[in-house]
PDB file of N, CA and C in Angstrom:
ATOM      1  N   UNK A   1     108.414  83.132  81.743  1.00  0.00           N
ATOM      2  CA  UNK A   1     107.825  83.846  80.624  1.00  0.00           C
ATOM      3  C   UNK A   1     108.097  85.337  80.777  1.00  0.00           C
ATOM      4  N   UNK A   2     108.557  85.954  79.714  1.00  0.00           N
ATOM      5  CA  UNK A   2     108.813  87.388  79.731  1.00  0.00           C
ATOM      6  C   UNK A   2     107.628  88.124  79.129  1.00  0.00           C
ATOM      7  N   UNK A   3     107.149  89.128  79.848  1.00  0.00           N
ATOM      8  CA  UNK A   3     106.026  89.926  79.377  1.00  0.00           C
ATOM      9  C   UNK A   3     106.530  91.195  78.703  1.00  0.00           C
ATOM     10  N   UNK A   4     105.800  91.624  77.713  1.00  0.00           N
ATOM     11  CA  UNK A   4     106.054  92.903  77.068  1.00  0.00           C
ATOM     12  C   UNK A   4     105.040  93.894  77.625  1.00  0.00           C
ATOM     13  N   UNK A   5     105.544  94.913  78.332  1.00  0.00           N
ATOM     14  CA  UNK A   5     104.697  95.909  78.987  1.00  0.00           C
ATOM     15  C   UNK A   5     104.838  97.225  78.235  1.00  0.00           C
ATOM     16  N   UNK A   6     103.707  97.822  77.855  1.00  0.00           N
ATOM     17  CA  UNK A   6     103.728  99.088  77.125  1.00  0.00           C
ATOM     18  C   UNK A   6     102.797 100.075  77.817  1.00  0.00           C
ATOM     19  N   UNK A   7     103.346 101.221  78.213  1.00  0.00           N
ATOM     20  CA  UNK A   7     102.569 102.309  78.819  1.00  0.00           C
ATOM     21  C   UNK A   7     102.293 103.301  77.695  1.00  0.00           C
ATOM     22  N   UNK A   8     101.031 103.457  77.337  1.00  0.00           N
ATOM     23  CA  UNK A   8     100.669 104.242  76.154  1.00  0.00           C
ATOM     24  C   UNK A   8     100.563 105.745  76.371  1.00  0.00           C
ATOM     25  N   UNK A   9     100.304 106.196  77.588  1.00  0.00           N
ATOM     26  CA  UNK A   9     100.143 107.642  77.810  1.00  0.00           C
ATOM     27  C   UNK A   9     100.783 108.063  79.134  1.00  0.00           C
ATOM     28  N   UNK A  10     102.081 107.863  79.213  1.00  0.00           N
ATOM     29  CA  UNK A  10     102.847 108.105  80.436  1.00  0.00           C
ATOM     30  C   UNK A  10     102.735 109.541  80.928  1.00  0.00           C
ATOM     31  N   UNK A  11     102.637 110.504  80.031  1.00  0.00           N
ATOM     32  CA  UNK A  11     102.603 111.916  80.443  1.00  0.00           C
ATOM     33  C   UNK A  11     101.350 112.277  81.239  1.00  0.00           C
ATOM     34  N   UNK A  12     100.353 111.409  81.252  1.00  0.00           N
ATOM     35  CA  UNK A  12      99.121 111.702  81.992  1.00  0.00           C
ATOM     36  C   UNK A  12      99.209 111.296  83.457  1.00  0.00           C
ATOM     37  N   UNK A  13     100.305 110.663  83.846  1.00  0.00           N
ATOM     38  CA  UNK A  13     100.442 110.181  85.220  1.00  0.00           C
ATOM     39  C   UNK A  13     101.720 110.740  85.826  1.00  0.00           C
ATOM     40  N   UNK A  14     101.560 111.599  86.824  1.00  0.00           N
ATOM     41  CA  UNK A  14     102.701 112.194  87.505  1.00  0.00           C
ATOM     42  C   UNK A  14     103.034 111.343  88.725  1.00  0.00           C
ATOM     43  N   UNK A  15     103.648 110.215  88.481  1.00  0.00           N
ATOM     44  CA  UNK A  15     104.010 109.290  89.553  1.00  0.00           C
ATOM     45  C   UNK A  15     105.195 108.450  89.095  1.00  0.00           C
ATOM     46  N   UNK A  16     105.879 107.896  90.052  1.00  0.00           N
ATOM     47  CA  UNK A  16     107.003 107.016  89.752  1.00  0.00           C
ATOM     48  C   UNK A  16     106.461 105.631  89.405  1.00  0.00           C
ATOM     49  N   UNK A  17     106.920 105.096  88.296  1.00  0.00           N
ATOM     50  CA  UNK A  17     106.553 103.730  87.922  1.00  0.00           C
ATOM     51  C   UNK A  17     107.667 102.826  88.431  1.00  0.00           C
ATOM     52  N   UNK A  18     107.341 102.012  89.403  1.00  0.00           N
ATOM     53  CA  UNK A  18     108.342 101.121  89.992  1.00  0.00           C
ATOM     54  C   UNK A  18     108.666  99.977  89.034  1.00  0.00           C
ATOM     55  N   UNK A  19     109.885  99.464  89.136  1.00  0.00           N
ATOM     56  CA  UNK A  19     110.236  98.304  88.298  1.00  0.00           C
ATOM     57  C   UNK A  19     109.334  97.115  88.629  1.00  0.00           C
ATOM     58  N   UNK A  20     108.995  96.357  87.632  1.00  0.00           N
ATOM     59  CA  UNK A  20     108.142  95.188  87.825  1.00  0.00           C
ATOM     60  C   UNK A  20     108.976  94.037  88.388  1.00  0.00           C
ATOM     61  N   UNK A  21     108.339  93.174  89.167  1.00  0.00           N
ATOM     62  CA  UNK A  21     109.069  92.062  89.783  1.00  0.00           C
ATOM     63  C   UNK A  21     108.899  90.761  88.993  1.00  0.00           C
ATOM     64  N   UNK A  22     108.821  90.888  87.686  1.00  0.00           N
ATOM     65  CA  UNK A  22     108.755  89.725  86.806  1.00  0.00           C
ATOM     66  C   UNK A  22     109.536  90.062  85.539  1.00  0.00           C
ATOM     67  N   UNK A  23     110.018  89.060  84.827  1.00  0.00           N
ATOM     68  CA  UNK A  23     110.780  89.324  83.604  1.00  0.00           C
ATOM     69  C   UNK A  23     109.921  90.091  82.593  1.00  0.00           C
ATOM     70  N   UNK A  24     110.486  91.189  82.055  1.00  0.00           N
ATOM     71  CA  UNK A  24     109.700  92.000  81.130  1.00  0.00           C
ATOM     72  C   UNK A  24     110.581  92.858  80.247  1.00  0.00           C
ATOM     73  N   UNK A  25     109.971  93.305  79.175  1.00  0.00           N
ATOM     74  CA  UNK A  25     110.507  94.413  78.399  1.00  0.00           C
ATOM     75  C   UNK A  25     109.508  95.534  78.598  1.00  0.00           C
ATOM     76  N   UNK A  26     109.999  96.745  78.752  1.00  0.00           N
ATOM     77  CA  UNK A  26     109.128  97.874  79.078  1.00  0.00           C
ATOM     78  C   UNK A  26     109.361  99.000  78.090  1.00  0.00           C
ATOM     79  N   UNK A  27     108.264  99.547  77.601  1.00  0.00           N
ATOM     80  CA  UNK A  27     108.322 100.687  76.692  1.00  0.00           C
ATOM     81  C   UNK A  27     107.241 101.659  77.121  1.00  0.00           C
ATOM     82  N   UNK A  28     107.556 102.949  77.072  1.00  0.00           N
ATOM     83  CA  UNK A  28     106.524 103.929  77.388  1.00  0.00           C
ATOM     84  C   UNK A  28     106.525 105.047  76.360  1.00  0.00           C
ATOM     85  N   UNK A  29     105.332 105.579  76.147  1.00  0.00           N
ATOM     86  CA  UNK A  29     105.121 106.686  75.223  1.00  0.00           C
ATOM     87  C   UNK A  29     104.418 107.800  75.984  1.00  0.00           C
ATOM     88  N   UNK A  30     104.823 109.039  75.749  1.00  0.00           N
ATOM     89  CA  UNK A  30     104.166 110.166  76.422  1.00  0.00           C
ATOM     90  C   UNK A  30     102.686 110.228  76.078  1.00  0.00           C
ATOM     91  N   UNK A  31     102.389 110.109  74.794  1.00  0.00           N
ATOM     92  CA  UNK A  31     101.008 110.150  74.306  1.00  0.00           C
ATOM     93  C   UNK A  31     100.862 109.123  73.195  1.00  0.00           C
ATOM     94  N   UNK A  32      99.642 108.641  73.031  1.00  0.00           N
ATOM     95  CA  UNK A  32      99.355 107.699  71.948  1.00  0.00           C
ATOM     96  C   UNK A  32      98.008 108.047  71.347  1.00  0.00           C
ATOM     97  N   UNK A  33      97.993 108.298  70.055  1.00  0.00           N
ATOM     98  CA  UNK A  33      96.741 108.556  69.356  1.00  0.00           C
ATOM     99  C   UNK A  33      96.019 107.248  69.070  1.00  0.00           C
ATOM    100  N   UNK A  34      94.732 107.334  68.819  1.00  0.00           N
ATOM    101  CA  UNK A  34      93.923 106.146  68.544  1.00  0.00           C
ATOM    102  C   UNK A  34      94.503 105.351  67.376  1.00  0.00           C
ATOM    103  N   UNK A  35      95.030 106.046  66.391  1.00  0.00           N
ATOM    104  CA  UNK A  35      95.581 105.374  65.215  1.00  0.00           C
ATOM    105  C   UNK A  35      96.947 104.728  65.467  1.00  0.00           C
ATOM    106  N   UNK A  36      97.532 104.936  66.644  1.00  0.00           N
ATOM    107  CA  UNK A  36      98.842 104.367  66.970  1.00  0.00           C
ATOM    108  C   UNK A  36      98.774 103.176  67.936  1.00  0.00           C
ATOM    109  N   UNK A  37      97.609 102.933  68.520  1.00  0.00           N
ATOM    110  CA  UNK A  37      97.482 101.926  69.580  1.00  0.00           C
ATOM    111  C   UNK A  37      97.898 100.536  69.110  1.00  0.00           C
ATOM    112  N   UNK A  38      97.339 100.075  68.014  1.00  0.00           N
ATOM    113  CA  UNK A  38      97.599  98.709  67.544  1.00  0.00           C
ATOM    114  C   UNK A  38      99.079  98.511  67.241  1.00  0.00           C
ATOM    115  N   UNK A  39      99.686  99.455  66.572  1.00  0.00           N
ATOM    116  CA  UNK A  39     101.106  99.339  66.226  1.00  0.00           C
ATOM    117  C   UNK A  39     101.966  99.294  67.485  1.00  0.00           C
ATOM    118  N   UNK A  40     101.667 100.139  68.460  1.00  0.00           N
ATOM    119  CA  UNK A  40     102.474 100.201  69.680  1.00  0.00           C
ATOM    120  C   UNK A  40     102.260  99.005  70.602  1.00  0.00           C
ATOM    121  N   UNK A  41     101.087  98.386  70.547  1.00  0.00           N
ATOM    122  CA  UNK A  41     100.807  97.226  71.401  1.00  0.00           C
ATOM    123  C   UNK A  41     101.005  95.891  70.690  1.00  0.00           C
ATOM    124  N   UNK A  42     101.467  95.920  69.455  1.00  0.00           N
ATOM    125  CA  UNK A  42     101.694  94.668  68.719  1.00  0.00           C
ATOM    126  C   UNK A  42     102.667  93.792  69.498  1.00  0.00           C
ATOM    127  N   UNK A  43     102.239  92.592  69.851  1.00  0.00           N
ATOM    128  CA  UNK A  43     103.075  91.659  70.595  1.00  0.00           C
ATOM    129  C   UNK A  43     103.101  91.871  72.097  1.00  0.00           C
ATOM    130  N   UNK A  44     102.477  92.931  72.580  1.00  0.00           N
ATOM    131  CA  UNK A  44     102.482  93.225  74.022  1.00  0.00           C
ATOM    132  C   UNK A  44     101.483  92.345  74.761  1.00  0.00           C
ATOM    133  N   UNK A  45     101.866  91.906  75.947  1.00  0.00           N
ATOM    134  CA  UNK A  45     100.944  91.128  76.779  1.00  0.00           C
ATOM    135  C   UNK A  45     100.279  92.002  77.838  1.00  0.00           C
ATOM    136  N   UNK A  46     100.906  93.146  78.164  1.00  0.00           N
ATOM    137  CA  UNK A  46     100.351  94.051  79.175  1.00  0.00           C
ATOM    138  C   UNK A  46     100.344  95.473  78.632  1.00  0.00           C
ATOM    139  N   UNK A  47      99.178  96.110  78.691  1.00  0.00           N
ATOM    140  CA  UNK A  47      99.048  97.517  78.317  1.00  0.00           C
ATOM    141  C   UNK A  47      98.749  98.312  79.579  1.00  0.00           C
ATOM    142  N   UNK A  48      99.499  99.389  79.780  1.00  0.00           N
ATOM    143  CA  UNK A  48      99.220 100.316  80.871  1.00  0.00           C
ATOM    144  C   UNK A  48      98.681 101.579  80.218  1.00  0.00           C
ATOM    145  N   UNK A  49      97.495 101.995  80.657  1.00  0.00           N
ATOM    146  CA  UNK A  49      96.851 103.167  80.059  1.00  0.00           C
ATOM    147  C   UNK A  49      96.269 104.043  81.161  1.00  0.00           C
ATOM    148  N   UNK A  50      95.934 105.261  80.773  1.00  0.00           N
ATOM    149  CA  UNK A  50      95.176 106.138  81.653  1.00  0.00           C
ATOM    150  C   UNK A  50      93.938 106.620  80.913  1.00  0.00           C
ATOM    151  N   UNK A  51      94.155 107.283  79.790  1.00  0.00           N
ATOM    152  CA  UNK A  51      93.035 107.860  79.054  1.00  0.00           C
ATOM    153  C   UNK A  51      92.903 107.336  77.622  1.00  0.00           C
ATOM    154  N   UNK A  52      93.768 106.435  77.225  1.00  0.00           N
ATOM    155  CA  UNK A  52      93.722 105.895  75.862  1.00  0.00           C
ATOM    156  C   UNK A  52      92.542 104.932  75.745  1.00  0.00           C
ATOM    157  N   UNK A  53      91.641 105.160  74.795  1.00  0.00           N
ATOM    158  CA  UNK A  53      90.469 104.282  74.661  1.00  0.00           C
ATOM    159  C   UNK A  53      90.841 102.912  74.101  1.00  0.00           C
ATOM    160  N   UNK A  54      90.325 101.885  74.743  1.00  0.00           N
ATOM    161  CA  UNK A  54      90.575 100.506  74.308  1.00  0.00           C
ATOM    162  C   UNK A  54      89.231  99.879  73.969  1.00  0.00           C
ATOM    163  N   UNK A  55      88.833 100.016  72.718  1.00  0.00           N
ATOM    164  CA  UNK A  55      87.540  99.528  72.241  1.00  0.00           C
ATOM    165  C   UNK A  55      87.702  98.212  71.478  1.00  0.00           C
ATOM    166  N   UNK A  56      86.589  97.557  71.221  1.00  0.00           N
ATOM    167  CA  UNK A  56      86.604  96.246  70.561  1.00  0.00           C
ATOM    168  C   UNK A  56      87.369  96.264  69.245  1.00  0.00           C
ATOM    169  N   UNK A  57      87.163  97.292  68.438  1.00  0.00           N
ATOM    170  CA  UNK A  57      87.836  97.356  67.135  1.00  0.00           C
ATOM    171  C   UNK A  57      89.354  97.329  67.290  1.00  0.00           C
ATOM    172  N   UNK A  58      89.841  97.939  68.333  1.00  0.00           N
ATOM    173  CA  UNK A  58      91.278  97.947  68.609  1.00  0.00           C
ATOM    174  C   UNK A  58      91.712  96.636  69.250  1.00  0.00           C
ATOM    175  N   UNK A  59      90.998  96.234  70.291  1.00  0.00           N
ATOM    176  CA  UNK A  59      91.359  95.030  71.045  1.00  0.00           C
ATOM    177  C   UNK A  59      91.361  93.770  70.179  1.00  0.00           C
ATOM    178  N   UNK A  60      90.476  93.715  69.209  1.00  0.00           N
ATOM    179  CA  UNK A  60      90.391  92.527  68.348  1.00  0.00           C
ATOM    180  C   UNK A  60      91.648  92.339  67.500  1.00  0.00           C
ATOM    181  N   UNK A  61      92.460  93.383  67.387  1.00  0.00           N
ATOM    182  CA  UNK A  61      93.701  93.310  66.613  1.00  0.00           C
ATOM    183  C   UNK A  61      94.926  93.014  67.480  1.00  0.00           C
ATOM    184  N   UNK A  62      94.691  92.733  68.767  1.00  0.00           N
ATOM    185  CA  UNK A  62      95.793  92.519  69.708  1.00  0.00           C
ATOM    186  C   UNK A  62      95.684  91.139  70.364  1.00  0.00           C
ATOM    187  N   UNK A  63      96.013  90.082  69.632  1.00  0.00           N
ATOM    188  CA  UNK A  63      95.818  88.719  70.140  1.00  0.00           C
ATOM    189  C   UNK A  63      96.702  88.353  71.332  1.00  0.00           C
ATOM    190  N   UNK A  64      97.812  89.047  71.535  1.00  0.00           N
ATOM    191  CA  UNK A  64      98.729  88.711  72.628  1.00  0.00           C
ATOM    192  C   UNK A  64      98.384  89.407  73.942  1.00  0.00           C
ATOM    193  N   UNK A  65      97.464  90.352  73.898  1.00  0.00           N
ATOM    194  CA  UNK A  65      97.145  91.142  75.088  1.00  0.00           C
ATOM    195  C   UNK A  65      96.437  90.296  76.142  1.00  0.00           C
ATOM    196  N   UNK A  66      96.964  90.324  77.375  1.00  0.00           N
ATOM    197  CA  UNK A  66      96.403  89.536  78.480  1.00  0.00           C
ATOM    198  C   UNK A  66      95.897  90.410  79.622  1.00  0.00           C
ATOM    199  N   UNK A  67      96.438  91.636  79.742  1.00  0.00           N
ATOM    200  CA  UNK A  67      96.105  92.505  80.864  1.00  0.00           C
ATOM    201  C   UNK A  67      96.119  93.955  80.426  1.00  0.00           C
ATOM    202  N   UNK A  68      95.086  94.693  80.847  1.00  0.00           N
ATOM    203  CA  UNK A  68      95.068  96.143  80.680  1.00  0.00           C
ATOM    204  C   UNK A  68      95.059  96.723  82.084  1.00  0.00           C
ATOM    205  N   UNK A  69      96.139  97.414  82.433  1.00  0.00           N
ATOM    206  CA  UNK A  69      96.251  98.058  83.739  1.00  0.00           C
ATOM    207  C   UNK A  69      95.912  99.533  83.556  1.00  0.00           C
ATOM    208  N   UNK A  70      94.787  99.943  84.106  1.00  0.00           N
ATOM    209  CA  UNK A  70      94.341 101.329  83.973  1.00  0.00           C
ATOM    210  C   UNK A  70      94.907 102.115  85.152  1.00  0.00           C
ATOM    211  N   UNK A  71      95.723 103.110  84.855  1.00  0.00           N
ATOM    212  CA  UNK A  71      96.361 103.917  85.889  1.00  0.00           C
ATOM    213  C   UNK A  71      95.418 105.032  86.336  1.00  0.00           C
ATOM    214  N   UNK A  72      94.225 104.636  86.750  1.00  0.00           N
ATOM    215  CA  UNK A  72      93.183 105.560  87.196  1.00  0.00           C
ATOM    216  C   UNK A  72      92.144 104.748  87.961  1.00  0.00           C
ATOM    217  N   UNK A  73      91.178 105.442  88.537  1.00  0.00           N
ATOM    218  CA  UNK A  73      90.129 104.724  89.264  1.00  0.00           C
ATOM    219  C   UNK A  73      89.051 104.206  88.327  1.00  0.00           C
ATOM    220  N   UNK A  74      88.757 104.945  87.273  1.00  0.00           N
ATOM    221  CA  UNK A  74      87.699 104.552  86.348  1.00  0.00           C
ATOM    222  C   UNK A  74      88.216 103.681  85.224  1.00  0.00           C
ATOM    223  N   UNK A  75      87.327 102.854  84.695  1.00  0.00           N
ATOM    224  CA  UNK A  75      87.700 101.976  83.581  1.00  0.00           C
ATOM    225  C   UNK A  75      86.790 102.197  82.375  1.00  0.00           C
ATOM    226  N   UNK A  76      86.170 103.370  82.308  1.00  0.00           N
ATOM    227  CA  UNK A  76      85.219 103.639  81.229  1.00  0.00           C
ATOM    228  C   UNK A  76      85.873 103.728  79.853  1.00  0.00           C
ATOM    229  N   UNK A  77      87.196 103.840  79.791  1.00  0.00           N
ATOM    230  CA  UNK A  77      87.881 103.902  78.496  1.00  0.00           C
ATOM    231  C   UNK A  77      88.131 102.511  77.910  1.00  0.00           C
ATOM    232  N   UNK A  78      87.751 101.475  78.652  1.00  0.00           N
ATOM    233  CA  UNK A  78      87.997 100.095  78.217  1.00  0.00           C
ATOM    234  C   UNK A  78      86.675  99.382  77.951  1.00  0.00           C
ATOM    235  N   UNK A  79      86.610  98.651  76.850  1.00  0.00           N
ATOM    236  CA  UNK A  79      85.448  97.817  76.546  1.00  0.00           C
ATOM    237  C   UNK A  79      85.563  96.548  77.394  1.00  0.00           C
ATOM    238  N   UNK A  80      85.040  96.622  78.602  1.00  0.00           N
ATOM    239  CA  UNK A  80      85.180  95.523  79.564  1.00  0.00           C
ATOM    240  C   UNK A  80      84.440  94.260  79.124  1.00  0.00           C
ATOM    241  N   UNK A  81      83.319  94.415  78.467  1.00  0.00           N
ATOM    242  CA  UNK A  81      82.566  93.245  77.997  1.00  0.00           C
ATOM    243  C   UNK A  81      83.393  92.464  76.980  1.00  0.00           C
ATOM    244  N   UNK A  82      84.018  93.170  76.060  1.00  0.00           N
ATOM    245  CA  UNK A  82      84.853  92.486  75.068  1.00  0.00           C
ATOM    246  C   UNK A  82      86.057  91.833  75.743  1.00  0.00           C
ATOM    247  N   UNK A  83      86.668  92.549  76.679  1.00  0.00           N
ATOM    248  CA  UNK A  83      87.816  91.987  77.397  1.00  0.00           C
ATOM    249  C   UNK A  83      87.423  90.708  78.127  1.00  0.00           C
ATOM    250  N   UNK A  84      86.270  90.724  78.760  1.00  0.00           N
ATOM    251  CA  UNK A  84      85.807  89.536  79.481  1.00  0.00           C
ATOM    252  C   UNK A  84      85.627  88.364  78.523  1.00  0.00           C
ATOM    253  N   UNK A  85      85.065  88.635  77.350  1.00  0.00           N
ATOM    254  CA  UNK A  85      84.838  87.562  76.376  1.00  0.00           C
ATOM    255  C   UNK A  85      86.146  86.980  75.847  1.00  0.00           C
ATOM    256  N   UNK A  86      87.205  87.774  75.860  1.00  0.00           N
ATOM    257  CA  UNK A  86      88.514  87.328  75.370  1.00  0.00           C
ATOM    258  C   UNK A  86      89.447  86.884  76.490  1.00  0.00           C
ATOM    259  N   UNK A  87      89.014  87.028  77.737  1.00  0.00           N
ATOM    260  CA  UNK A  87      89.870  86.642  78.860  1.00  0.00           C
ATOM    261  C   UNK A  87      90.961  87.643  79.166  1.00  0.00           C
ATOM    262  N   UNK A  88      90.778  88.886  78.736  1.00  0.00           N
ATOM    263  CA  UNK A  88      91.740  89.945  79.044  1.00  0.00           C
ATOM    264  C   UNK A  88      91.362  90.537  80.400  1.00  0.00           C
ATOM    265  N   UNK A  89      92.290  90.545  81.320  1.00  0.00           N
ATOM    266  CA  UNK A  89      92.046  91.100  82.650  1.00  0.00           C
ATOM    267  C   UNK A  89      92.139  92.618  82.581  1.00  0.00           C
ATOM    268  N   UNK A  90      91.191  93.298  83.213  1.00  0.00           N
ATOM    269  CA  UNK A  90      91.215  94.761  83.314  1.00  0.00           C
ATOM    270  C   UNK A  90      91.364  95.098  84.790  1.00  0.00           C
ATOM    271  N   UNK A  91      92.421  95.823  85.099  1.00  0.00           N
ATOM    272  CA  UNK A  91      92.711  96.184  86.482  1.00  0.00           C
ATOM    273  C   UNK A  91      92.822  97.697  86.581  1.00  0.00           C
ATOM    274  N   UNK A  92      92.376  98.247  87.704  1.00  0.00           N
ATOM    275  CA  UNK A  92      92.479  99.686  87.908  1.00  0.00           C
ATOM    276  C   UNK A  92      92.995  99.965  89.314  1.00  0.00           C
ATOM    277  N   UNK A  93      93.094 101.242  89.653  1.00  0.00           N
ATOM    278  CA  UNK A  93      93.557 101.648  90.979  1.00  0.00           C
ATOM    279  C   UNK A  93      92.339 101.758  91.875  1.00  0.00           C
ATOM    280  N   UNK A  94      92.100 100.711  92.640  1.00  0.00           N
ATOM    281  CA  UNK A  94      90.944 100.702  93.535  1.00  0.00           C
ATOM    282  C   UNK A  94      91.279 101.413  94.839  1.00  0.00           C
ATOM    283  N   UNK A  95      90.250 101.951  95.457  1.00  0.00           N
ATOM    284  CA  UNK A  95      90.377 102.598  96.766  1.00  0.00           C
ATOM    285  C   UNK A  95      91.369 103.751  96.773  1.00  0.00           C
ATOM    286  N   UNK A  96      91.565 104.383  95.617  1.00  0.00           N
ATOM    287  CA  UNK A  96      92.431 105.549  95.542  1.00  0.00           C
ATOM    288  C   UNK A  96      91.895 106.621  96.483  1.00  0.00           C
ATOM    289  N   UNK A  97      92.742 107.157  97.295  1.00  0.00           N
ATOM    290  CA  UNK A  97      92.397 108.217  98.244  1.00  0.00           C
ATOM    291  C   UNK A  97      91.323 107.776  99.238  1.00  0.00           C
ATOM    292  N   UNK A  98      91.269 106.493  99.525  1.00  0.00           N
ATOM    293  CA  UNK A  98      90.259 105.935 100.428  1.00  0.00           C
ATOM    294  C   UNK A  98      90.278 106.625 101.789  1.00  0.00           C
ATOM    295  N   UNK A  99      91.463 106.877 102.319  1.00  0.00           N
ATOM    296  CA  UNK A  99      91.572 107.546 103.617  1.00  0.00           C
ATOM    297  C   UNK A  99      91.701 109.054 103.499  1.00  0.00           C
ATOM    298  N   UNK A 100      92.367 109.532 102.470  1.00  0.00           N
ATOM    299  CA  UNK A 100      92.659 110.957 102.394  1.00  0.00           C
ATOM    300  C   UNK A 100      91.447 111.816 102.071  1.00  0.00           C
ATOM    301  N   UNK A 101      90.499 111.313 101.328  1.00  0.00           N
ATOM    302  CA  UNK A 101      89.303 112.111 101.028  1.00  0.00           C
ATOM    303  C   UNK A 101      88.497 112.390 102.294  1.00  0.00           C
ATOM    304  N   UNK A 102      88.185 111.392 103.116  1.00  0.00           N
ATOM    305  CA  UNK A 102      87.472 111.698 104.360  1.00  0.00           C
ATOM    306  C   UNK A 102      88.277 112.615 105.289  1.00  0.00           C
ATOM    307  N   UNK A 103      89.597 112.432 105.343  1.00  0.00           N
ATOM    308  CA  UNK A 103      90.429 113.318 106.161  1.00  0.00           C
ATOM    309  C   UNK A 103      90.307 114.754 105.679  1.00  0.00           C
ATOM    310  N   UNK A 104      90.317 114.938 104.371  1.00  0.00           N
ATOM    311  CA  UNK A 104      90.202 116.281 103.803  1.00  0.00           C
ATOM    312  C   UNK A 104      88.835 116.891 104.121  1.00  0.00           C
ATOM    313  N   UNK A 105      87.792 116.085 104.058  1.00  0.00           N
ATOM    314  CA  UNK A 105      86.443 116.564 104.395  1.00  0.00           C
ATOM    315  C   UNK A 105      86.410 117.068 105.834  1.00  0.00           C
ATOM    316  N   UNK A 106      86.978 116.301 106.748  1.00  0.00           N
ATOM    317  CA  UNK A 106      87.013 116.736 108.148  1.00  0.00           C
ATOM    318  C   UNK A 106      87.840 118.007 108.315  1.00  0.00           C
ATOM    319  N   UNK A 107      88.967 118.093 107.620  1.00  0.00           N
ATOM    320  CA  UNK A 107      89.795 119.295 107.699  1.00  0.00           C
ATOM    321  C   UNK A 107      89.023 120.514 107.214  1.00  0.00           C
ATOM    322  N   UNK A 108      88.281 120.370 106.124  1.00  0.00           N
ATOM    323  CA  UNK A 108      87.476 121.488 105.620  1.00  0.00           C
ATOM    324  C   UNK A 108      86.363 121.850 106.592  1.00  0.00           C
ATOM    325  N   UNK A 109      85.744 120.843 107.204  1.00  0.00           N
ATOM    326  CA  UNK A 109      84.680 121.108 108.184  1.00  0.00           C
ATOM    327  C   UNK A 109      85.234 121.882 109.374  1.00  0.00           C
ATOM    328  N   UNK A 110      86.402 121.476 109.868  1.00  0.00           N
ATOM    329  CA  UNK A 110      87.019 122.204 110.988  1.00  0.00           C
ATOM    330  C   UNK A 110      87.412 123.616 110.570  1.00  0.00           C
ATOM    331  N   UNK A 111      87.918 123.764 109.348  1.00  0.00           N
ATOM    332  CA  UNK A 111      88.296 125.093 108.861  1.00  0.00           C
ATOM    333  C   UNK A 111      87.082 126.003 108.788  1.00  0.00           C
ATOM    334  N   UNK A 112      85.959 125.474 108.329  1.00  0.00           N
ATOM    335  CA  UNK A 112      84.730 126.274 108.277  1.00  0.00           C
ATOM    336  C   UNK A 112      84.235 126.607 109.677  1.00  0.00           C
ATOM    337  N   UNK A 113      84.254 125.626 110.547  1.00  0.00           N
ATOM    338  CA  UNK A 113      83.747 125.814 111.914  1.00  0.00           C
ATOM    339  C   UNK A 113      84.558 126.856 112.668  1.00  0.00           C
ATOM    340  N   UNK A 114      85.866 126.887 112.448  1.00  0.00           N
ATOM    341  CA  UNK A 114      86.750 127.804 113.167  1.00  0.00           C
ATOM    342  C   UNK A 114      87.086 129.054 112.358  1.00  0.00           C
ATOM    343  N   UNK A 115      86.453 129.234 111.209  1.00  0.00           N
ATOM    344  CA  UNK A 115      86.673 130.422 110.358  1.00  0.00           C
ATOM    345  C   UNK A 115      88.151 130.629 110.027  1.00  0.00           C
ATOM    346  N   UNK A 116      88.824 129.551 109.712  1.00  0.00           N
ATOM    347  CA  UNK A 116      90.258 129.614 109.426  1.00  0.00           C
ATOM    348  C   UNK A 116      90.561 130.570 108.274  1.00  0.00           C
ATOM    349  N   UNK A 117      89.754 130.557 107.244  1.00  0.00           N
ATOM    350  CA  UNK A 117      90.002 131.431 106.091  1.00  0.00           C
ATOM    351  C   UNK A 117      89.908 132.894 106.489  1.00  0.00           C
ATOM    352  N   UNK A 118      88.917 133.240 107.280  1.00  0.00           N
ATOM    353  CA  UNK A 118      88.773 134.632 107.736  1.00  0.00           C
ATOM    354  C   UNK A 118      89.967 135.043 108.594  1.00  0.00           C
ATOM    355  N   UNK A 119      90.395 134.175 109.512  1.00  0.00           N
ATOM    356  CA  UNK A 119      91.574 134.474 110.335  1.00  0.00           C
ATOM    357  C   UNK A 119      92.810 134.635 109.459  1.00  0.00           C
ATOM    358  N   UNK A 120      92.953 133.769 108.486  1.00  0.00           N
ATOM    359  CA  UNK A 120      94.084 133.844 107.565  1.00  0.00           C
ATOM    360  C   UNK A 120      94.093 135.186 106.838  1.00  0.00           C
ATOM    361  N   UNK A 121      92.940 135.596 106.345  1.00  0.00           N
ATOM    362  CA  UNK A 121      92.839 136.876 105.638  1.00  0.00           C
ATOM    363  C   UNK A 121      93.158 138.043 106.559  1.00  0.00           C
ATOM    364  N   UNK A 122      92.674 137.998 107.804  1.00  0.00           N
ATOM    365  CA  UNK A 122      92.956 139.070 108.769  1.00  0.00           C
ATOM    366  C   UNK A 122      94.453 139.176 109.047  1.00  0.00           C
ATOM    367  N   UNK A 123      95.106 138.048 109.243  1.00  0.00           N
ATOM    368  CA  UNK A 123      96.548 138.053 109.503  1.00  0.00           C
ATOM    369  C   UNK A 123      97.298 138.574 108.284  1.00  0.00           C
ATOM    370  N   UNK A 124      96.894 138.152 107.134  1.00  0.00           N
ATOM    371  CA  UNK A 124      97.550 138.581 105.894  1.00  0.00           C
ATOM    372  C   UNK A 124      97.405 140.094 105.673  1.00  0.00           C
ATOM    373  N   UNK A 125      96.244 140.631 106.039  1.00  0.00           N
ATOM    374  CA  UNK A 125      95.983 142.062 105.838  1.00  0.00           C
ATOM    375  C   UNK A 125      96.533 142.927 106.964  1.00  0.00           C
ATOM    376  N   UNK A 126      97.089 142.314 107.977  1.00  0.00           N
ATOM    377  CA  UNK A 126      97.716 143.052 109.071  1.00  0.00           C
ATOM    378  C   UNK A 126      96.729 143.541 110.059  1.00  0.00           C
TER     379      UNK A 126
END
């Protein structure tokens, strides 16, 4: 089965989109207005979004949609209750920055403890 994959707001994600490992047709749009969603997702089985709202009024017009892949950690732009009732899977980026956020916190704590910013300013000022 070949899936039709449509990325509705590609310009909101500064990352490389790797090729999918299943048969597909792929289309991406830099931005998509609310009034363009249904037309652009007509016949699509997979929607990739970041900030495009996917509400019941829109989703009810997309009978072929099987998966909404949210290219973010939050899924508040998707009507998850409606998706559940229709069997549409909603997936997001879980555990984003799971390791890097705590590492950054420790780095900031060490910087504060050792007055790194003050030393940096002193060196910069000669």
